[in-house]
Amino acid sequence: MKTLKDVMTQDVEVLEPDATLRQAAEMMRQFNIGPVPICEGGRLVGMVTDRDIVVRGLALGHDPNTSTVSAVMTREIEVIHQDASLKEAAALMAANQIRRLPVVDDDENLVGILSLADLTRATSETASGWTLEEISKPSQPAY
């Protein structure tokens, strides 16, 4: 049976919390990626997306050359352990409507990212179709 270690993307580009918004945007452009994990000494402390940079950063007046990703990143993120099953990962992604799931070791160090594409390549079309359907449902307002 395949585990996350077998199918996840292992060579993940990361930034430190003191990286600037411009550095994050440049990394996204260079590697053609959306979310960037933010790590301190290998330990995952948050994620920053292009939307974070624009909505939490630029729209609120942050200077992309001096403001850091720690000012706009999402700190509370779902993660999964590297030894979890693909079924567990699919359920977590569906329940939380997320397309990329950080994978950590026992010490909460980032060891990879599981994307919906990784999951699709490793599972049946039925399972990945269900996961995509659940991820894509409109979320309800939190009020």
N, C-alpha and C. Protein backbone atom coordinates (compact mmCIF):
# COMPACT_ATOMS: atom_id res chain seq x y z
N MET A 1 0.84 -1.18 0.00
CA MET A 1 0.00 0.00 0.00
C MET A 1 0.89 1.25 0.00
N LYS A 2 0.58 2.20 -0.88
CA LYS A 2 1.36 3.43 -0.97
C LYS A 2 1.05 4.35 0.20
N THR A 3 2.09 5.06 0.65
CA THR A 3 1.93 6.08 1.68
C THR A 3 2.21 7.44 1.05
N LEU A 4 2.05 8.47 1.82
CA LEU A 4 2.31 9.81 1.33
C LEU A 4 3.76 9.97 0.89
N LYS A 5 4.68 9.33 1.61
CA LYS A 5 6.09 9.42 1.24
C LYS A 5 6.33 8.93 -0.18
N ASP A 6 5.51 8.01 -0.65
CA ASP A 6 5.67 7.44 -1.98
C ASP A 6 5.19 8.37 -3.09
N VAL A 7 4.27 9.26 -2.80
CA VAL A 7 3.64 10.05 -3.86
C VAL A 7 3.79 11.56 -3.71
N MET A 8 4.15 12.05 -2.55
CA MET A 8 4.24 13.50 -2.33
C MET A 8 5.43 14.09 -3.08
N THR A 9 5.38 15.38 -3.27
CA THR A 9 6.51 16.13 -3.81
C THR A 9 7.47 16.37 -2.65
N GLN A 10 8.71 15.91 -2.80
CA GLN A 10 9.64 15.98 -1.68
C GLN A 10 10.55 17.20 -1.71
N ASP A 11 10.95 17.65 -2.88
CA ASP A 11 11.85 18.79 -2.97
C ASP A 11 11.02 20.07 -3.03
N VAL A 12 10.67 20.58 -1.86
CA VAL A 12 9.77 21.72 -1.74
C VAL A 12 10.57 22.99 -1.51
N GLU A 13 10.24 24.02 -2.28
CA GLU A 13 10.84 25.33 -2.09
C GLU A 13 10.17 25.99 -0.88
N VAL A 14 10.97 26.54 0.03
CA VAL A 14 10.45 27.19 1.23
C VAL A 14 11.12 28.55 1.41
N LEU A 15 10.51 29.36 2.25
CA LEU A 15 11.08 30.64 2.65
C LEU A 15 11.10 30.74 4.16
N GLU A 16 11.98 31.59 4.67
CA GLU A 16 12.01 31.91 6.10
C GLU A 16 10.97 33.01 6.36
N PRO A 17 10.50 33.16 7.59
CA PRO A 17 9.49 34.17 7.91
C PRO A 17 9.92 35.60 7.62
N ASP A 18 11.22 35.86 7.59
CA ASP A 18 11.68 37.23 7.35
C ASP A 18 11.89 37.55 5.86
N ALA A 19 11.54 36.63 4.98
CA ALA A 19 11.61 36.91 3.54
C ALA A 19 10.58 37.98 3.20
N THR A 20 10.88 38.80 2.20
CA THR A 20 9.95 39.87 1.82
C THR A 20 8.84 39.33 0.92
N LEU A 21 7.79 40.11 0.82
CA LEU A 21 6.69 39.75 -0.07
C LEU A 21 7.19 39.65 -1.50
N ARG A 22 8.10 40.52 -1.89
CA ARG A 22 8.66 40.46 -3.24
C ARG A 22 9.41 39.15 -3.47
N GLN A 23 10.19 38.72 -2.47
CA GLN A 23 10.92 37.45 -2.60
C GLN A 23 9.94 36.29 -2.77
N ALA A 24 8.85 36.32 -2.03
CA ALA A 24 7.85 35.26 -2.14
C ALA A 24 7.22 35.27 -3.52
N ALA A 25 6.85 36.45 -4.01
CA ALA A 25 6.25 36.56 -5.33
C ALA A 25 7.23 36.11 -6.41
N GLU A 26 8.48 36.45 -6.27
CA GLU A 26 9.49 36.04 -7.24
C GLU A 26 9.66 34.52 -7.23
N MET A 27 9.64 33.91 -6.06
CA MET A 27 9.74 32.45 -5.98
C MET A 27 8.54 31.80 -6.67
N MET A 28 7.36 32.35 -6.44
CA MET A 28 6.16 31.81 -7.07
C MET A 28 6.28 31.89 -8.59
N ARG A 29 6.80 33.00 -9.09
CA ARG A 29 6.96 33.17 -10.53
C ARG A 29 8.02 32.22 -11.08
N GLN A 30 9.16 32.17 -10.41
CA GLN A 30 10.29 31.36 -10.88
C GLN A 30 9.95 29.88 -10.95
N PHE A 31 9.27 29.37 -9.93
CA PHE A 31 8.98 27.94 -9.86
C PHE A 31 7.56 27.59 -10.29
N ASN A 32 6.79 28.60 -10.69
CA ASN A 32 5.41 28.41 -11.12
C ASN A 32 4.60 27.67 -10.06
N ILE A 33 4.63 28.21 -8.84
CA ILE A 33 3.92 27.62 -7.71
C ILE A 33 2.99 28.64 -7.09
N GLY A 34 2.00 28.17 -6.35
CA GLY A 34 1.07 29.05 -5.65
C GLY A 34 1.50 29.25 -4.21
N PRO A 35 1.14 28.32 -3.34
CA PRO A 35 1.50 28.48 -1.93
C PRO A 35 2.97 28.16 -1.68
N VAL A 36 3.56 28.92 -0.78
CA VAL A 36 4.96 28.68 -0.39
C VAL A 36 4.98 28.39 1.11
N PRO A 37 5.54 27.26 1.50
CA PRO A 37 5.68 26.97 2.94
C PRO A 37 6.69 27.92 3.57
N ILE A 38 6.39 28.33 4.78
CA ILE A 38 7.29 29.20 5.54
C ILE A 38 7.82 28.35 6.69
N CYS A 39 9.16 28.23 6.74
CA CYS A 39 9.79 27.35 7.72
C CYS A 39 10.87 28.08 8.51
N GLU A 40 11.00 27.69 9.76
CA GLU A 40 12.10 28.14 10.61
C GLU A 40 12.89 26.90 10.98
N GLY A 41 14.10 26.81 10.46
CA GLY A 41 14.92 25.64 10.75
C GLY A 41 14.29 24.33 10.34
N GLY A 42 13.57 24.31 9.26
CA GLY A 42 12.90 23.09 8.80
C GLY A 42 11.50 22.90 9.34
N ARG A 43 11.18 23.58 10.42
CA ARG A 43 9.86 23.44 11.05
C ARG A 43 8.86 24.36 10.35
N LEU A 44 7.75 23.78 9.93
CA LEU A 44 6.71 24.54 9.24
C LEU A 44 6.01 25.49 10.21
N VAL A 45 5.99 26.79 9.89
CA VAL A 45 5.32 27.78 10.75
C VAL A 45 4.18 28.50 10.05
N GLY A 46 4.02 28.26 8.74
CA GLY A 46 2.93 28.91 8.01
C GLY A 46 3.03 28.67 6.52
N MET A 47 2.09 29.25 5.80
CA MET A 47 2.06 29.19 4.34
C MET A 47 1.69 30.58 3.85
N VAL A 48 2.25 30.95 2.70
CA VAL A 48 1.86 32.22 2.07
C VAL A 48 1.45 31.92 0.64
N THR A 49 0.37 32.54 0.21
CA THR A 49 -0.15 32.35 -1.14
C THR A 49 -0.09 33.68 -1.89
N ASP A 50 -0.30 33.61 -3.18
CA ASP A 50 -0.36 34.83 -3.97
C ASP A 50 -1.52 35.70 -3.47
N ARG A 51 -2.59 35.07 -3.08
CA ARG A 51 -3.74 35.82 -2.53
C ARG A 51 -3.36 36.52 -1.23
N ASP A 52 -2.61 35.86 -0.36
CA ASP A 52 -2.15 36.50 0.88
C ASP A 52 -1.35 37.76 0.56
N ILE A 53 -0.46 37.65 -0.42
CA ILE A 53 0.39 38.79 -0.77
C ILE A 53 -0.46 39.96 -1.25
N VAL A 54 -1.46 39.68 -2.07
CA VAL A 54 -2.29 40.75 -2.63
C VAL A 54 -3.31 41.26 -1.61
N VAL A 55 -4.09 40.36 -1.02
CA VAL A 55 -5.20 40.78 -0.16
C VAL A 55 -4.75 41.23 1.23
N ARG A 56 -3.86 40.48 1.85
CA ARG A 56 -3.38 40.84 3.19
C ARG A 56 -2.17 41.77 3.14
N GLY A 57 -1.50 41.79 2.01
CA GLY A 57 -0.30 42.59 1.87
C GLY A 57 -0.53 43.89 1.13
N LEU A 58 -0.55 43.83 -0.17
CA LEU A 58 -0.63 45.04 -1.00
C LEU A 58 -1.89 45.85 -0.74
N ALA A 59 -3.03 45.19 -0.63
CA ALA A 59 -4.30 45.91 -0.43
C ALA A 59 -4.32 46.67 0.90
N LEU A 60 -3.51 46.22 1.87
CA LEU A 60 -3.46 46.89 3.17
C LEU A 60 -2.26 47.82 3.28
N GLY A 61 -1.58 48.05 2.15
CA GLY A 61 -0.51 49.04 2.13
C GLY A 61 0.88 48.53 2.48
N HIS A 62 1.07 47.23 2.57
CA HIS A 62 2.41 46.69 2.85
C HIS A 62 3.33 46.93 1.66
N ASP A 63 4.54 47.35 1.93
CA ASP A 63 5.55 47.54 0.89
C ASP A 63 6.15 46.17 0.57
N PRO A 64 6.03 45.72 -0.67
CA PRO A 64 6.52 44.38 -1.00
C PRO A 64 8.04 44.23 -0.86
N ASN A 65 8.75 45.34 -0.85
CA ASN A 65 10.21 45.28 -0.73
C ASN A 65 10.68 45.20 0.71
N THR A 66 9.83 45.59 1.66
CA THR A 66 10.26 45.59 3.06
C THR A 66 9.37 44.76 3.98
N SER A 67 8.11 44.56 3.62
CA SER A 67 7.22 43.77 4.47
C SER A 67 7.56 42.29 4.33
N THR A 68 7.46 41.58 5.42
CA THR A 68 7.84 40.17 5.43
C THR A 68 6.63 39.26 5.27
N VAL A 69 6.91 38.03 4.84
CA VAL A 69 5.83 37.06 4.67
C VAL A 69 5.17 36.74 6.00
N SER A 70 5.90 36.87 7.10
CA SER A 70 5.30 36.58 8.41
C SER A 70 4.15 37.52 8.73
N ALA A 71 4.11 38.69 8.08
CA ALA A 71 3.03 39.65 8.32
C ALA A 71 1.73 39.25 7.62
N VAL A 72 1.81 38.41 6.59
CA VAL A 72 0.62 38.09 5.81
C VAL A 72 0.33 36.59 5.71
N MET A 73 1.24 35.76 6.18
CA MET A 73 1.07 34.30 6.00
C MET A 73 -0.05 33.75 6.86
N THR A 74 -0.55 32.60 6.46
CA THR A 74 -1.52 31.86 7.26
C THR A 74 -0.74 30.98 8.22
N ARG A 75 -1.02 31.13 9.50
CA ARG A 75 -0.28 30.39 10.53
C ARG A 75 -0.95 29.07 10.90
N GLU A 76 -2.25 29.06 10.90
CA GLU A 76 -3.00 27.85 11.27
C GLU A 76 -3.28 27.07 9.99
N ILE A 77 -2.51 26.03 9.76
CA ILE A 77 -2.68 25.26 8.54
C ILE A 77 -2.83 23.78 8.86
N GLU A 78 -3.55 23.10 8.02
CA GLU A 78 -3.70 21.65 8.16
C GLU A 78 -2.43 20.99 7.66
N VAL A 79 -1.96 19.99 8.40
CA VAL A 79 -0.81 19.19 7.98
C VAL A 79 -1.17 17.73 8.17
N ILE A 80 -0.35 16.88 7.58
CA ILE A 80 -0.55 15.44 7.74
C ILE A 80 0.82 14.79 7.92
N HIS A 81 0.86 13.71 8.66
CA HIS A 81 2.11 12.99 8.92
C HIS A 81 2.49 12.17 7.69
N GLN A 82 3.77 12.05 7.46
CA GLN A 82 4.28 11.37 6.26
C GLN A 82 3.90 9.90 6.16
N ASP A 83 3.56 9.26 7.26
CA ASP A 83 3.19 7.85 7.22
C ASP A 83 1.69 7.62 7.08
N ALA A 84 0.93 8.69 6.93
CA ALA A 84 -0.52 8.55 6.77
C ALA A 84 -0.85 7.90 5.44
N SER A 85 -2.04 7.39 5.36
CA SER A 85 -2.48 6.75 4.11
C SER A 85 -3.00 7.81 3.14
N LEU A 86 -3.07 7.40 1.89
CA LEU A 86 -3.63 8.29 0.87
C LEU A 86 -5.11 8.57 1.16
N LYS A 87 -5.79 7.56 1.70
CA LYS A 87 -7.21 7.74 2.04
C LYS A 87 -7.38 8.81 3.11
N GLU A 88 -6.51 8.77 4.14
CA GLU A 88 -6.57 9.80 5.19
C GLU A 88 -6.30 11.18 4.60
N ALA A 89 -5.32 11.27 3.73
CA ALA A 89 -4.99 12.55 3.11
C ALA A 89 -6.16 13.07 2.28
N ALA A 90 -6.76 12.20 1.48
CA ALA A 90 -7.89 12.60 0.64
C ALA A 90 -9.05 13.11 1.51
N ALA A 91 -9.31 12.42 2.60
CA ALA A 91 -10.40 12.83 3.50
C ALA A 91 -10.10 14.19 4.13
N LEU A 92 -8.86 14.41 4.54
CA LEU A 92 -8.48 15.69 5.16
C LEU A 92 -8.56 16.83 4.14
N MET A 93 -8.11 16.55 2.92
CA MET A 93 -8.17 17.57 1.88
C MET A 93 -9.63 17.91 1.55
N ALA A 94 -10.47 16.91 1.46
CA ALA A 94 -11.88 17.13 1.15
C ALA A 94 -12.59 17.87 2.28
N ALA A 95 -12.35 17.46 3.51
CA ALA A 95 -13.03 18.07 4.65
C ALA A 95 -12.66 19.54 4.82
N ASN A 96 -11.43 19.89 4.44
CA ASN A 96 -10.96 21.26 4.64
C ASN A 96 -10.86 22.06 3.35
N GLN A 97 -11.30 21.46 2.26
CA GLN A 97 -11.29 22.10 0.94
C GLN A 97 -9.92 22.68 0.60
N ILE A 98 -8.90 21.83 0.67
CA ILE A 98 -7.55 22.27 0.34
C ILE A 98 -6.97 21.40 -0.77
N ARG A 99 -6.19 22.02 -1.62
CA ARG A 99 -5.62 21.35 -2.79
C ARG A 99 -4.16 20.95 -2.58
N ARG A 100 -3.52 21.53 -1.57
CA ARG A 100 -2.13 21.20 -1.27
C ARG A 100 -2.00 21.02 0.23
N LEU A 101 -1.46 19.89 0.62
CA LEU A 101 -1.39 19.52 2.03
C LEU A 101 0.07 19.34 2.44
N PRO A 102 0.57 20.17 3.37
CA PRO A 102 1.94 19.98 3.84
C PRO A 102 2.07 18.66 4.59
N VAL A 103 3.18 17.99 4.34
CA VAL A 103 3.46 16.69 4.96
C VAL A 103 4.64 16.90 5.92
N VAL A 104 4.48 16.43 7.16
CA VAL A 104 5.49 16.64 8.19
C VAL A 104 5.95 15.32 8.79
N ASP A 105 7.12 15.39 9.45
CA ASP A 105 7.62 14.23 10.19
C ASP A 105 7.21 14.34 11.65
N ASP A 106 7.73 13.47 12.50
CA ASP A 106 7.36 13.45 13.91
C ASP A 106 7.70 14.74 14.65
N ASP A 107 8.70 15.49 14.14
CA ASP A 107 9.12 16.73 14.78
C ASP A 107 8.47 17.96 14.15
N GLU A 108 7.45 17.74 13.32
CA GLU A 108 6.74 18.82 12.62
C GLU A 108 7.62 19.53 11.59
N ASN A 109 8.68 18.87 11.15
CA ASN A 109 9.51 19.41 10.07
C ASN A 109 8.84 19.08 8.75
N LEU A 110 8.84 20.03 7.84
CA LEU A 110 8.26 19.83 6.53
C LEU A 110 9.10 18.84 5.74
N VAL A 111 8.47 17.80 5.22
CA VAL A 111 9.19 16.81 4.42
C VAL A 111 8.62 16.72 3.00
N GLY A 112 7.50 17.41 2.75
CA GLY A 112 6.93 17.38 1.41
C GLY A 112 5.58 18.07 1.36
N ILE A 113 5.03 18.07 0.16
CA ILE A 113 3.70 18.62 -0.09
C ILE A 113 2.94 17.58 -0.91
N LEU A 114 1.72 17.30 -0.52
CA LEU A 114 0.85 16.44 -1.29
C LEU A 114 -0.15 17.32 -2.01
N SER A 115 -0.12 17.29 -3.32
CA SER A 115 -1.07 18.08 -4.10
C SER A 115 -2.20 17.19 -4.58
N LEU A 116 -3.26 17.81 -5.01
CA LEU A 116 -4.36 17.05 -5.58
C LEU A 116 -3.88 16.26 -6.79
N ALA A 117 -2.96 16.84 -7.56
CA ALA A 117 -2.40 16.13 -8.73
C ALA A 117 -1.63 14.89 -8.29
N ASP A 118 -0.85 14.99 -7.20
CA ASP A 118 -0.13 13.83 -6.68
C ASP A 118 -1.11 12.73 -6.30
N LEU A 119 -2.17 13.13 -5.61
CA LEU A 119 -3.19 12.19 -5.17
C LEU A 119 -3.88 11.53 -6.36
N THR A 120 -4.17 12.31 -7.38
CA THR A 120 -4.83 11.79 -8.57
C THR A 120 -3.98 10.74 -9.26
N ARG A 121 -2.68 11.03 -9.39
CA ARG A 121 -1.79 10.07 -10.04
C ARG A 121 -1.68 8.75 -9.26
N ALA A 122 -1.87 8.81 -7.96
CA ALA A 122 -1.64 7.63 -7.11
C ALA A 122 -2.90 6.84 -6.78
N THR A 123 -4.07 7.40 -7.06
CA THR A 123 -5.31 6.73 -6.67
C THR A 123 -6.21 6.54 -7.88
N SER A 124 -7.31 5.88 -7.64
CA SER A 124 -8.28 5.67 -8.71
C SER A 124 -8.96 6.98 -9.06
N GLU A 125 -9.51 7.04 -10.25
CA GLU A 125 -10.23 8.23 -10.68
C GLU A 125 -11.43 8.50 -9.78
N THR A 126 -12.05 7.46 -9.28
CA THR A 126 -13.22 7.64 -8.42
C THR A 126 -12.84 8.36 -7.13
N ALA A 127 -11.76 7.91 -6.48
CA ALA A 127 -11.34 8.53 -5.22
C ALA A 127 -10.90 9.96 -5.44
N SER A 128 -10.10 10.22 -6.46
CA SER A 128 -9.62 11.58 -6.68
C SER A 128 -10.76 12.48 -7.16
N GLY A 129 -11.71 11.91 -7.92
CA GLY A 129 -12.87 12.69 -8.34
C GLY A 129 -13.72 13.12 -7.17
N TRP A 130 -13.93 12.21 -6.22
CA TRP A 130 -14.68 12.54 -5.01
C TRP A 130 -13.96 13.63 -4.23
N THR A 131 -12.64 13.51 -4.07
CA THR A 131 -11.86 14.50 -3.34
C THR A 131 -11.99 15.86 -4.01
N LEU A 132 -11.82 15.92 -5.32
CA LEU A 132 -11.94 17.17 -6.05
C LEU A 132 -13.33 17.77 -5.89
N GLU A 133 -14.35 16.93 -5.96
CA GLU A 133 -15.72 17.42 -5.79
C GLU A 133 -15.90 18.05 -4.42
N GLU A 134 -15.38 17.40 -3.38
CA GLU A 134 -15.51 17.93 -2.02
C GLU A 134 -14.71 19.22 -1.83
N ILE A 135 -13.51 19.26 -2.39
CA ILE A 135 -12.67 20.46 -2.28
C ILE A 135 -13.34 21.63 -2.98
N SER A 136 -14.01 21.37 -4.08
CA SER A 136 -14.56 22.43 -4.92
C SER A 136 -15.92 22.95 -4.48
N LYS A 137 -16.54 22.34 -3.48
CA LYS A 137 -17.82 22.83 -3.01
C LYS A 137 -17.67 24.25 -2.47
N PRO A 138 -18.66 25.12 -2.75
CA PRO A 138 -18.58 26.47 -2.19
C PRO A 138 -18.58 26.41 -0.67
N SER A 139 -17.71 27.19 -0.07
CA SER A 139 -17.67 27.21 1.40
C SER A 139 -18.75 28.15 1.91
N GLN A 140 -19.18 27.89 3.13
CA GLN A 140 -20.22 28.68 3.75
C GLN A 140 -19.60 29.85 4.52
N PRO A 141 -20.25 31.00 4.52
CA PRO A 141 -19.74 32.13 5.30
C PRO A 141 -19.62 31.77 6.79
N ALA A 142 -18.65 32.34 7.45
CA ALA A 142 -18.40 32.01 8.86
C ALA A 142 -19.06 33.03 9.79
N TYR A 143 -20.31 33.35 9.53
CA TYR A 143 -21.02 34.30 10.42
C TYR A 143 -22.29 33.75 10.92
